[in-house]
Amino acid sequence: MSYSYRQPMFANAEQVGQAAALRHGDLEQEDRQTVNQIIHSGDPNPHKFGHNPFADSTKSYDPKAQEALDRIASKYGK
């Protein structure tokens, strides 16, 4: 799943925690990148390793981030 540069998505603390729990395990590269972007969405420099479509200093809930987390959790049976 790829995200458009012009379509910002945000993640709140609960979503970041969910992503952190999913990060441990054998994930495909794209899925690992997605959870890492969610985890680092509230960092002072969330774009440190390239554009982070989940970046948001307000750390708001985003349904698209949740869709990605749900998809990844389902894919790996978590």
C-alpha atoms as a PDB file:
ATOM      1  CA  MET A   1       0.000   0.000   0.000  1.00  0.00           C
ATOM      2  CA  SER A   2       1.445   3.331  -0.938  1.00  0.00           C
ATOM      3  CA  TYR A   3       0.338   6.758   0.151  1.00  0.00           C
ATOM      4  CA  SER A   4       0.220   9.991  -1.768  1.00  0.00           C
ATOM      5  CA  TYR A   5       2.552  12.757  -0.638  1.00  0.00           C
ATOM      6  CA  ARG A   6      -0.415  15.144  -0.638  1.00  0.00           C
ATOM      7  CA  GLN A   7      -2.543  12.889   1.558  1.00  0.00           C
ATOM      8  CA  PRO A   8      -1.281  13.384   5.098  1.00  0.00           C
ATOM      9  CA  MET A   9      -2.251  10.804   7.678  1.00  0.00           C
ATOM     10  CA  PHE A  10      -1.753  11.058  11.387  1.00  0.00           C
ATOM     11  CA  ALA A  11      -1.469   8.621  14.270  1.00  0.00           C
ATOM     12  CA  ASN A  12      -2.347   8.969  17.934  1.00  0.00           C
ATOM     13  CA  ALA A  13      -0.614   7.308  20.904  1.00  0.00           C
ATOM     14  CA  GLU A  14      -2.827   4.214  20.769  1.00  0.00           C
ATOM     15  CA  GLN A  15      -2.073   3.709  17.083  1.00  0.00           C
ATOM     16  CA  VAL A  16       1.650   4.190  17.710  1.00  0.00           C
ATOM     17  CA  GLY A  17       1.495   1.517  20.413  1.00  0.00           C
ATOM     18  CA  GLN A  18      -0.363  -0.828  18.113  1.00  0.00           C
ATOM     19  CA  ALA A  19       2.256  -0.271  15.409  1.00  0.00           C
ATOM     20  CA  ALA A  20       5.058  -0.939  17.895  1.00  0.00           C
ATOM     21  CA  ALA A  21       3.476  -4.262  18.857  1.00  0.00           C
ATOM     22  CA  LEU A  22       3.168  -5.225  15.188  1.00  0.00           C
ATOM     23  CA  ARG A  23       6.743  -4.233  14.397  1.00  0.00           C
ATOM     24  CA  HIS A  24       8.147  -7.243  16.243  1.00  0.00           C
ATOM     25  CA  GLY A  25       8.053 -10.182  13.918  1.00  0.00           C
ATOM     26  CA  ASP A  26       8.694 -11.175  10.360  1.00  0.00           C
ATOM     27  CA  LEU A  27       7.039  -8.421   8.304  1.00  0.00           C
ATOM     28  CA  GLU A  28       7.375  -7.717   4.621  1.00  0.00           C
ATOM     29  CA  GLN A  29       9.431  -4.598   3.876  1.00  0.00           C
ATOM     30  CA  GLU A  30       6.424  -2.450   2.943  1.00  0.00           C
ATOM     31  CA  ASP A  31       4.516  -3.425   6.097  1.00  0.00           C
ATOM     32  CA  ARG A  32       7.565  -2.784   8.292  1.00  0.00           C
ATOM     33  CA  GLN A  33       7.993   0.625   6.678  1.00  0.00           C
ATOM     34  CA  THR A  34       4.342   1.465   7.352  1.00  0.00           C
ATOM     35  CA  VAL A  35       4.499   0.562  11.048  1.00  0.00           C
ATOM     36  CA  ASN A  36       7.811   2.400  11.430  1.00  0.00           C
ATOM     37  CA  GLN A  37       6.296   5.510   9.845  1.00  0.00           C
ATOM     38  CA  ILE A  38       3.358   5.328  12.258  1.00  0.00           C
ATOM     39  CA  ILE A  39       5.691   4.853  15.232  1.00  0.00           C
ATOM     40  CA  HIS A  40       7.803   7.856  14.242  1.00  0.00           C
ATOM     41  CA  SER A  41       4.891  10.054  13.119  1.00  0.00           C
ATOM     42  CA  GLY A  42       5.206  12.310  16.174  1.00  0.00           C
ATOM     43  CA  ASP A  43       8.995  12.575  16.229  1.00  0.00           C
ATOM     44  CA  PRO A  44      10.535  16.062  16.173  1.00  0.00           C
ATOM     45  CA  ASN A  45      11.785  15.217  12.663  1.00  0.00           C
ATOM     46  CA  PRO A  46       9.438  12.531  11.315  1.00  0.00           C
ATOM     47  CA  HIS A  47      10.901  12.948   7.814  1.00  0.00           C
ATOM     48  CA  LYS A  48      14.448  12.096   8.904  1.00  0.00           C
ATOM     49  CA  PHE A  49      14.566   9.009   6.673  1.00  0.00           C
ATOM     50  CA  GLY A  50      12.334  10.318   3.875  1.00  0.00           C
ATOM     51  CA  HIS A  51       8.776  11.576   3.618  1.00  0.00           C
ATOM     52  CA  ASN A  52       6.576  10.196   6.399  1.00  0.00           C
ATOM     53  CA  PRO A  53       2.921  10.325   5.308  1.00  0.00           C
ATOM     54  CA  PHE A  54       1.797   9.813   8.919  1.00  0.00           C
ATOM     55  CA  ALA A  55       3.710  12.830  10.291  1.00  0.00           C
ATOM     56  CA  ASP A  56       1.689  15.119  12.542  1.00  0.00           C
ATOM     57  CA  SER A  57       2.796  17.113  15.548  1.00  0.00           C
ATOM     58  CA  THR A  58      -0.743  17.024  17.026  1.00  0.00           C
ATOM     59  CA  LYS A  59      -0.671  13.207  17.117  1.00  0.00           C
ATOM     60  CA  SER A  60      -4.309  12.937  16.072  1.00  0.00           C
ATOM     61  CA  TYR A  61      -6.254   9.765  15.316  1.00  0.00           C
ATOM     62  CA  ASP A  62      -6.412   8.859  11.638  1.00  0.00           C
ATOM     63  CA  PRO A  63      -8.765   6.275  10.191  1.00  0.00           C
ATOM     64  CA  LYS A  64      -6.412   5.537   7.266  1.00  0.00           C
ATOM     65  CA  ALA A  65      -3.577   4.751   9.657  1.00  0.00           C
ATOM     66  CA  GLN A  66      -5.968   2.461  11.529  1.00  0.00           C
ATOM     67  CA  GLU A  67      -6.932   0.749   8.276  1.00  0.00           C
ATOM     68  CA  ALA A  68      -3.244   0.081   7.593  1.00  0.00           C
ATOM     69  CA  LEU A  69      -2.727  -1.272  11.120  1.00  0.00           C
ATOM     70  CA  ASP A  70      -5.799  -3.499  10.890  1.00  0.00           C
ATOM     71  CA  ARG A  71      -4.709  -4.802   7.493  1.00  0.00           C
ATOM     72  CA  ILE A  72      -1.213  -5.626   8.748  1.00  0.00           C
ATOM     73  CA  ALA A  73      -2.522  -7.238  11.951  1.00  0.00           C
ATOM     74  CA  SER A  74      -4.929  -9.383   9.950  1.00  0.00           C
ATOM     75  CA  LYS A  75      -2.286 -10.320   7.395  1.00  0.00           C
ATOM     76  CA  TYR A  76       0.028 -11.683  10.099  1.00  0.00           C
ATOM     77  CA  GLY A  77      -2.644 -13.068  12.413  1.00  0.00           C
ATOM     78  CA  LYS A  78      -1.973 -10.598  15.227  1.00  0.00           C
END
